[in-house]
Structure formats: structure tokens, C-alpha cells
């Protein structure tokens, strides 16, 4: 090898050793979760404090609602008794502690606990048993199909008509089933406002009508006619209408209070005071009328003399 090249090589190695060497560290591989967390905007200290305050206030409000809203607790208790009644637990009353346990409100304050028994006694939907037990009080006491028919019959015979379907459903959980079973004894109708009404099917009203009469009745159309138009048509045909059988009350006119008119020159008389000295007449200048007339007469005599 050329000695000059060897000398150049030695000089290059000497110079490279004299230069400082910087070590390059390896770059760590960042996970996807770390990148996503790092990319989120950092919340300021004030915002974090606001969120903490909001959460604590919401928690305190819910705690206050749970412990202070006594009417909400009363409603939940009545709904519980109502649901038990629909489950046919008609003769299984609950104590106050059992009710609060069922609705998960065992941590109520002593004031609410003392108020609830009074509220139960005043509630028309609650029956108090043995002073410390409570049942749901339905509008109608019905336990079976026989009692259902008896209630409807009694309602009908008293002239009260039908019973609302919702009231009977609230009173008897098997109402819908009994309607389909007791078709011959119960009539279920739906009003124009879509509210169901139950009627007792009175057997005394089951009258066999001649088929020809039924066809004749159904052939008569009164659509578009008012009661007045129908009444005029019947009068024209010589058919009299059934009038109201109620007792008519005669209208008695009240006597009018007539004011008595007195004449302009009429005198007010007090005959019972006649001859007494209590009534005296005076002139406009305040003198007695008798004395004024006497003095006037004396003046006339003097003037004539």
C-alpha cells in the first residue's frame, strides 16, 4: 500500500477521535390510549371545582327530596297498597315500617314518620286496621263475581245507572275477565269520550218484541232531526207526547212593594199627640207661630187706630 495513503488514514482516525460523540436515545412507542388521553383538552382548575360543586349540589338536592318531600312518600305508599290490592292481597295489611321498607324510604325523618299515620287516616284511599296497619280502600268492596254482580244490581235499582269501568278495575282486579264471563248479567258500553261504563243487565227489561215491529222501528230514520222537529211531526200525525209526570209548581208572583205617593200639600198628622204641648209650630225666624200671629194682630190694630 502507498505510504501516503496510510499516513492520511492515520490522520483521519486521529481527527475523528478528537471530535465529541453524541449518543442518540431510542424514542419510546406511545400507545393509542395514551395518545387519545393526551389529545383531550385539559380542564382548568376552576372548571374542575365547578363540576365538583355541581355534583355535590345535585346530591344534596336528591337527599333533600328523599327526606323532605312527605307528599311524594305518601303517594308512593298509597300506590304500594293499591298494587297489593290488585294482586289480591285484600286482607294482608302492612305496618308503617313495612311500607317504608317496601318503598325503600327507611331513612325518613322523625317528623315525616309521625305525620304519615295522620295522613293515612285522612286519605280516602286508605283503610286503617288496628290503629297501626293499613290497606287500600277501593271505591267498591268486590272480592268475587257474585259481589261484582250484586254491586251493579244495587247501583241499578237505586237509580244510579252504571259504574265507571276504571273504578271497578281499581276495586276488583278480575273485572275484565268477569265482563267476558258474565255477558248475560253485565252490559259494558263505551261512551263517546271512550270511557267504559258497566251496567247491570236487568232481566225484567228483557221483553220479546215482534220482529215486524222491530223492522218498522229500525226503518224510521230521525237523522238530522231535532227534538222540536220530531215533536211537530208527531203532532201532525195526531200522536200526543208523554209529558213530564213531575209535580208542577205554581209560580207565585211576589207582591210588589208599591210606594205611597203623598200630595205636595199633605200634612203629616200626629193625632195621638193632639192637645199636648209637645207639638208646636214655629216661624222661619224661630218664634212660636201663635205669638207671631198675636203680635201681628196687635200691629194691625195699632195701625188702624
Protein backbone atom coordinates (compact mmCIF):
# COMPACT_ATOMS: atom_id res chain seq x y z
CA UNK A 1 0.00 0.00 0.00
CA UNK A 2 1.10 3.51 -0.70
CA UNK A 3 2.72 5.00 2.44
CA UNK A 4 0.99 8.35 1.76
CA UNK A 5 -2.42 6.74 1.96
CA UNK A 6 -1.51 5.13 5.26
CA UNK A 7 -0.46 8.47 6.69
CA UNK A 8 -3.74 10.08 5.54
CA UNK A 9 -5.70 7.27 7.16
CA UNK A 10 -3.92 7.67 10.47
CA UNK A 11 -4.52 11.41 10.43
CA UNK A 12 -8.26 10.90 9.72
CA UNK A 13 -8.66 8.46 12.61
CA UNK A 14 -6.81 10.84 14.91
CA UNK A 15 -9.09 13.72 13.97
CA UNK A 16 -12.30 11.63 14.36
CA UNK A 17 -11.29 10.53 17.85
CA UNK A 18 -10.76 14.11 18.85
CA UNK A 19 -14.39 15.04 17.87
CA UNK A 20 -17.13 14.73 20.68
CA UNK A 21 -19.66 11.90 20.18
CA UNK A 22 -23.46 12.48 20.98
CA UNK A 23 -25.41 9.29 21.77
CA UNK A 24 -28.91 9.14 20.28
CA UNK A 25 -31.53 7.72 22.69
CA UNK A 26 -34.32 5.45 21.40
CA UNK A 27 -37.80 7.05 21.03
CA UNK A 28 -40.46 5.15 23.14
CA UNK A 29 -43.51 3.83 21.30
CA UNK A 30 -46.73 5.53 22.63
CA UNK A 31 -49.93 3.50 22.88
CA UNK A 32 -53.22 4.52 21.24
CA UNK A 33 -54.94 5.05 24.62
CA UNK A 34 -52.12 7.32 25.77
CA UNK A 35 -52.36 9.38 22.59
CA UNK A 36 -56.14 9.76 23.00
CA UNK A 37 -55.77 10.78 26.63
CA UNK A 38 -53.02 13.26 25.75
CA UNK A 39 -55.12 14.72 22.91
CA UNK A 40 -58.01 15.60 25.30
CA UNK A 41 -58.15 19.25 26.31
CA UNK A 42 -57.06 19.75 29.87
CA UNK A 43 -59.69 21.11 32.26
CA UNK A 44 -58.85 24.19 34.14
CA UNK A 45 -58.79 24.19 37.88
CA UNK A 46 -61.82 26.47 38.03
CA UNK A 47 -63.84 24.16 35.77
CA UNK A 48 -62.98 21.14 37.90
CA UNK A 49 -64.11 23.00 41.02
CA UNK A 50 -67.40 23.96 39.29
CA UNK A 51 -68.12 20.34 38.34
CA UNK A 52 -67.40 19.17 41.86
CA UNK A 53 -69.72 21.83 43.31
CA UNK A 54 -72.48 20.88 40.83
CA UNK A 55 -72.25 17.18 41.67
CA UNK A 56 -72.37 17.88 45.39
CA UNK A 57 -75.38 20.20 44.98
CA UNK A 58 -77.26 17.58 42.92
CA UNK A 59 -76.53 15.01 45.58
CA UNK A 60 -77.79 17.30 48.33
CA UNK A 61 -80.97 18.10 46.34
CA UNK A 62 -81.75 14.41 45.82
CA UNK A 63 -81.12 13.77 49.51
CA UNK A 64 -83.43 16.63 50.48
CA UNK A 65 -86.14 15.34 48.12
CA UNK A 66 -85.87 11.88 49.60
CA UNK A 67 -86.10 13.09 53.18
CA UNK A 68 -88.30 16.19 52.96
CA UNK A 69 -90.97 15.62 50.28
CA UNK A 70 -93.52 13.92 52.50
CA UNK A 71 -96.33 14.07 49.94
CA UNK A 72 -94.22 12.12 47.43
CA UNK A 73 -93.63 9.47 50.09
CA UNK A 74 -97.37 9.36 50.85
CA UNK A 75 -98.19 8.86 47.17
CA UNK A 76 -95.67 6.04 46.85
CA UNK A 77 -97.13 4.38 49.94
CA UNK A 78 -100.71 4.58 48.61
CA UNK A 79 -99.57 3.25 45.22
CA UNK A 80 -97.93 0.32 47.01
CA UNK A 81 -101.15 -0.51 48.86
CA UNK A 82 -103.09 -0.18 45.60
CA UNK A 83 -100.76 -2.59 43.78
CA UNK A 84 -101.08 -5.11 46.62
CA UNK A 85 -104.86 -4.83 46.38
CA UNK A 86 -104.70 -5.60 42.64
CA UNK A 87 -102.55 -8.64 43.48
CA UNK A 88 -105.50 -9.95 45.56
CA UNK A 89 -103.77 -9.24 48.88
CA UNK A 90 -107.03 -7.82 50.21
CA UNK A 91 -106.63 -8.98 53.80
CA UNK A 92 -102.90 -8.52 54.31
CA UNK A 93 -102.38 -5.09 55.90
CA UNK A 94 -98.93 -3.56 56.32
CA UNK A 95 -97.46 -1.56 59.17
CA UNK A 96 -95.75 1.77 58.62
CA UNK A 97 -92.28 0.24 58.90
CA UNK A 98 -93.18 -2.44 56.37
CA UNK A 99 -94.50 0.17 53.94
CA UNK A 100 -91.36 2.30 54.22
CA UNK A 101 -89.21 -0.78 53.72
CA UNK A 102 -91.14 -1.78 50.60
CA UNK A 103 -90.76 1.68 49.01
CA UNK A 104 -87.11 1.95 50.17
CA UNK A 105 -87.61 5.01 52.39
CA UNK A 106 -86.45 3.72 55.74
CA UNK A 107 -84.26 6.77 56.41
CA UNK A 108 -87.09 9.32 56.64
CA UNK A 109 -87.05 11.91 59.38
CA UNK A 110 -89.00 11.53 62.59
CA UNK A 111 -91.32 14.37 61.59
CA UNK A 112 -92.40 12.55 58.43
CA UNK A 113 -92.70 9.27 60.30
CA UNK A 114 -95.06 10.92 62.81
CA UNK A 115 -97.00 12.67 60.05
CA UNK A 116 -97.66 9.62 57.85
CA UNK A 117 -100.16 7.86 60.21
CA UNK A 118 -102.27 11.02 60.35
CA UNK A 119 -102.09 11.33 56.56
CA UNK A 120 -103.18 7.70 56.15
CA UNK A 121 -106.21 8.26 58.37
CA UNK A 122 -107.27 11.32 56.39
CA UNK A 123 -106.70 9.66 52.99
CA UNK A 124 -109.92 8.30 51.41
CA UNK A 125 -107.93 5.58 49.63
CA UNK A 126 -106.52 4.02 52.82
CA UNK A 127 -108.19 1.83 55.45
CA UNK A 128 -106.68 1.76 58.94
CA UNK A 129 -106.62 -1.67 60.63
CA UNK A 130 -105.92 -1.97 64.38
CA UNK A 131 -104.60 1.61 64.52
CA UNK A 132 -101.17 0.74 63.06
CA UNK A 133 -101.83 -1.32 59.90
CA UNK A 134 -103.01 -0.12 56.53
CA UNK A 135 -104.88 -1.45 53.49
CA UNK A 136 -106.01 0.06 50.21
CA UNK A 137 -109.62 1.24 50.33
CA UNK A 138 -111.36 0.73 46.96
CA UNK A 139 -114.47 2.56 45.90
CA UNK A 140 -116.40 -0.73 45.79
CA UNK A 141 -115.79 -3.75 48.00
CA UNK A 142 -115.67 -6.61 45.48
CA UNK A 143 -113.88 -9.94 46.03
CA UNK A 144 -115.59 -12.28 43.57
CA UNK A 145 -118.01 -12.43 40.65
CA UNK A 146 -121.07 -12.62 42.91
CA UNK A 147 -120.14 -9.41 44.72
CA UNK A 148 -119.50 -7.72 41.36
CA UNK A 149 -123.00 -8.52 40.14
CA UNK A 150 -124.56 -7.50 43.47
CA UNK A 151 -122.83 -4.10 43.39
CA UNK A 152 -124.01 -3.44 39.84
CA UNK A 153 -127.56 -4.60 40.68
CA UNK A 154 -127.76 -2.39 43.78
CA UNK A 155 -126.40 0.57 41.82
CA UNK A 156 -129.04 -0.03 39.12
CA UNK A 157 -132.02 -0.49 41.44
CA UNK A 158 -131.17 2.73 43.29
CA UNK A 159 -131.45 4.62 40.02
CA UNK A 160 -127.74 5.47 39.89
CA UNK A 161 -127.21 3.94 36.45
CA UNK A 162 -123.83 2.42 35.62
CA UNK A 163 -120.37 2.33 37.19
CA UNK A 164 -117.17 3.57 35.58
CA UNK A 165 -115.03 0.72 34.29
CA UNK A 166 -111.84 2.25 35.74
CA UNK A 167 -113.41 2.47 39.22
CA UNK A 168 -114.38 -1.19 39.07
CA UNK A 169 -110.94 -2.19 37.76
CA UNK A 170 -109.39 -0.38 40.70
CA UNK A 171 -111.73 -2.20 43.07
CA UNK A 172 -111.57 -5.67 41.52
CA UNK A 173 -108.53 -6.92 39.60
CA UNK A 174 -110.51 -9.54 37.62
CA UNK A 175 -113.08 -7.12 36.23
CA UNK A 176 -112.11 -7.57 32.57
CA UNK A 177 -112.26 -11.35 32.87
CA UNK A 178 -115.67 -11.24 34.57
CA UNK A 179 -117.09 -8.97 31.85
CA UNK A 180 -116.48 -11.66 29.25
CA UNK A 181 -117.72 -14.43 31.56
CA UNK A 182 -120.87 -12.66 32.81
CA UNK A 183 -122.21 -11.46 29.47
CA UNK A 184 -125.80 -12.25 30.46
CA UNK A 185 -125.61 -10.23 33.69
CA UNK A 186 -123.30 -7.33 32.82
CA UNK A 187 -123.53 -4.84 29.95
CA UNK A 188 -120.31 -3.00 29.06
CA UNK A 189 -120.67 0.17 26.98
CA UNK A 190 -118.20 2.76 25.73
CA UNK A 191 -119.15 6.43 25.79
CA UNK A 192 -118.25 8.97 23.15
CA UNK A 193 -115.26 10.04 25.24
CA UNK A 194 -114.03 6.40 25.14
CA UNK A 195 -114.75 5.84 28.83
CA UNK A 196 -116.17 2.43 29.68
CA UNK A 197 -119.36 2.08 31.75
CA UNK A 198 -120.72 -1.11 33.33
CA UNK A 199 -124.47 -1.70 33.75
CA UNK A 200 -126.49 -4.43 35.38
CA UNK A 201 -128.44 -6.37 32.78
CA UNK A 202 -131.87 -6.28 34.38
CA UNK A 203 -133.86 -9.40 33.33
CA UNK A 204 -137.14 -7.54 33.88
CA UNK A 205 -136.32 -5.40 30.85
CA UNK A 206 -135.91 -8.37 28.53
CA UNK A 207 -139.16 -8.10 26.56
CA UNK A 208 -139.77 -10.13 23.43
CA UNK A 209 -140.83 -7.76 20.66
CA UNK A 210 -142.46 -8.82 17.43
CA UNK A 211 -139.98 -8.95 14.56
CA UNK A 212 -142.23 -6.87 12.29
CA UNK A 213 -142.36 -4.14 14.92
CA UNK A 214 -138.57 -4.19 15.23
CA UNK A 215 -138.19 -3.82 11.45
CA UNK A 216 -140.70 -0.97 11.44
CA UNK A 217 -138.88 0.76 14.30
CA UNK A 218 -135.50 0.46 12.60
CA UNK A 219 -136.86 1.69 9.29
CA UNK A 220 -137.76 5.10 10.76
CA UNK A 221 -134.83 7.47 10.36
CA UNK A 222 -134.53 10.53 12.57
CA UNK A 223 -131.10 11.53 11.38
CA UNK A 224 -130.75 15.28 11.12
CA UNK A 225 -133.98 15.95 13.04
CA UNK A 226 -134.08 17.85 16.30
CA UNK A 227 -136.43 17.11 19.20
CA UNK A 228 -138.61 20.02 18.12
CA UNK A 229 -138.92 18.65 14.58
CA UNK A 230 -139.88 15.21 15.89
CA UNK A 231 -142.48 16.75 18.21
CA UNK A 232 -144.05 18.70 15.34
CA UNK A 233 -144.14 15.59 13.17
CA UNK A 234 -145.91 13.58 15.89
CA UNK A 235 -148.45 16.35 16.45
CA UNK A 236 -149.17 16.39 12.72
CA UNK A 237 -149.76 12.64 12.79
CA UNK A 238 -152.16 13.04 15.75
CA UNK A 239 -149.86 11.41 18.28
CA UNK A 240 -149.62 13.01 21.70
CA UNK A 241 -146.34 13.14 23.57
CA UNK A 242 -145.73 11.90 27.07
CA UNK A 243 -145.40 14.92 29.31
CA UNK A 244 -143.29 15.32 32.40
CA UNK A 245 -145.00 13.47 35.25
CA UNK A 246 -143.31 15.53 37.92
CA UNK A 247 -145.40 17.75 40.16
CA UNK A 248 -145.66 21.17 38.67
CA UNK A 249 -145.04 24.03 40.97
CA UNK A 250 -147.23 27.05 40.56
CA UNK A 251 -145.34 30.21 40.06
CA UNK A 252 -146.40 32.74 42.63
CA UNK A 253 -145.55 36.32 41.89
CA UNK A 254 -144.06 38.18 44.76
CA UNK A 255 -146.15 41.15 45.86
CA UNK A 256 -144.68 44.34 44.62
CA UNK A 257 -143.87 46.96 47.17
CA UNK A 258 -145.77 49.98 45.93
CA UNK A 259 -144.59 53.30 47.15
CA UNK A 260 -147.30 55.52 48.52
CA UNK A 261 -147.44 58.92 46.97
CA UNK A 262 -148.34 61.81 49.18
CA UNK A 263 -149.65 65.03 47.88
CA UNK A 264 -147.40 68.05 47.88
CA UNK A 265 -149.69 69.92 50.30
CA UNK A 266 -150.48 66.93 52.52
CA UNK A 267 -149.88 67.40 56.21
CA UNK A 268 -148.27 64.81 58.44
CA UNK A 269 -150.63 64.23 61.35
CA UNK A 270 -149.77 63.00 64.79
CA UNK A 271 -153.26 62.60 66.15
CA UNK A 272 -152.11 60.70 69.22
CA UNK A 273 -150.22 63.84 70.32
CA UNK A 274 -153.14 66.15 69.77
CA UNK A 275 -153.74 68.51 72.71
CA UNK A 276 -150.29 68.01 74.18
CA UNK A 277 -147.65 70.69 74.37
CA UNK A 278 -145.08 68.55 72.59
CA UNK A 279 -146.10 69.72 69.12
CA UNK A 280 -145.59 73.42 68.46
CA UNK A 281 -145.29 75.33 65.22
CA UNK A 282 -142.54 77.87 64.67
CA UNK A 283 -142.00 80.60 62.10
CA UNK A 284 -138.93 80.93 59.90
CA UNK A 285 -137.29 83.38 62.33
CA UNK A 286 -137.60 80.88 65.21
CA UNK A 287 -140.57 82.37 67.06
CA UNK A 288 -143.67 80.45 68.07
CA UNK A 289 -146.34 80.73 65.42
CA UNK A 290 -149.08 81.67 67.93
CA UNK A 291 -147.05 84.52 69.42
CA UNK A 292 -146.09 85.75 65.96
CA UNK A 293 -149.76 85.86 64.93
CA UNK A 294 -150.74 87.72 68.12
CA UNK A 295 -148.04 90.35 67.64
CA UNK A 296 -149.05 90.72 64.02
CA UNK A 297 -152.67 91.27 65.02
CA UNK A 298 -151.70 93.92 67.58
CA UNK A 299 -149.67 95.76 64.96
CA UNK A 300 -152.66 95.78 62.58
CA UNK A 301 -154.95 97.23 65.32
CA UNK A 302 -152.48 99.93 66.17
CA UNK A 303 -152.10 100.82 62.53
CA UNK A 304 -155.88 101.04 62.06
CA UNK A 305 -156.34 103.17 65.12
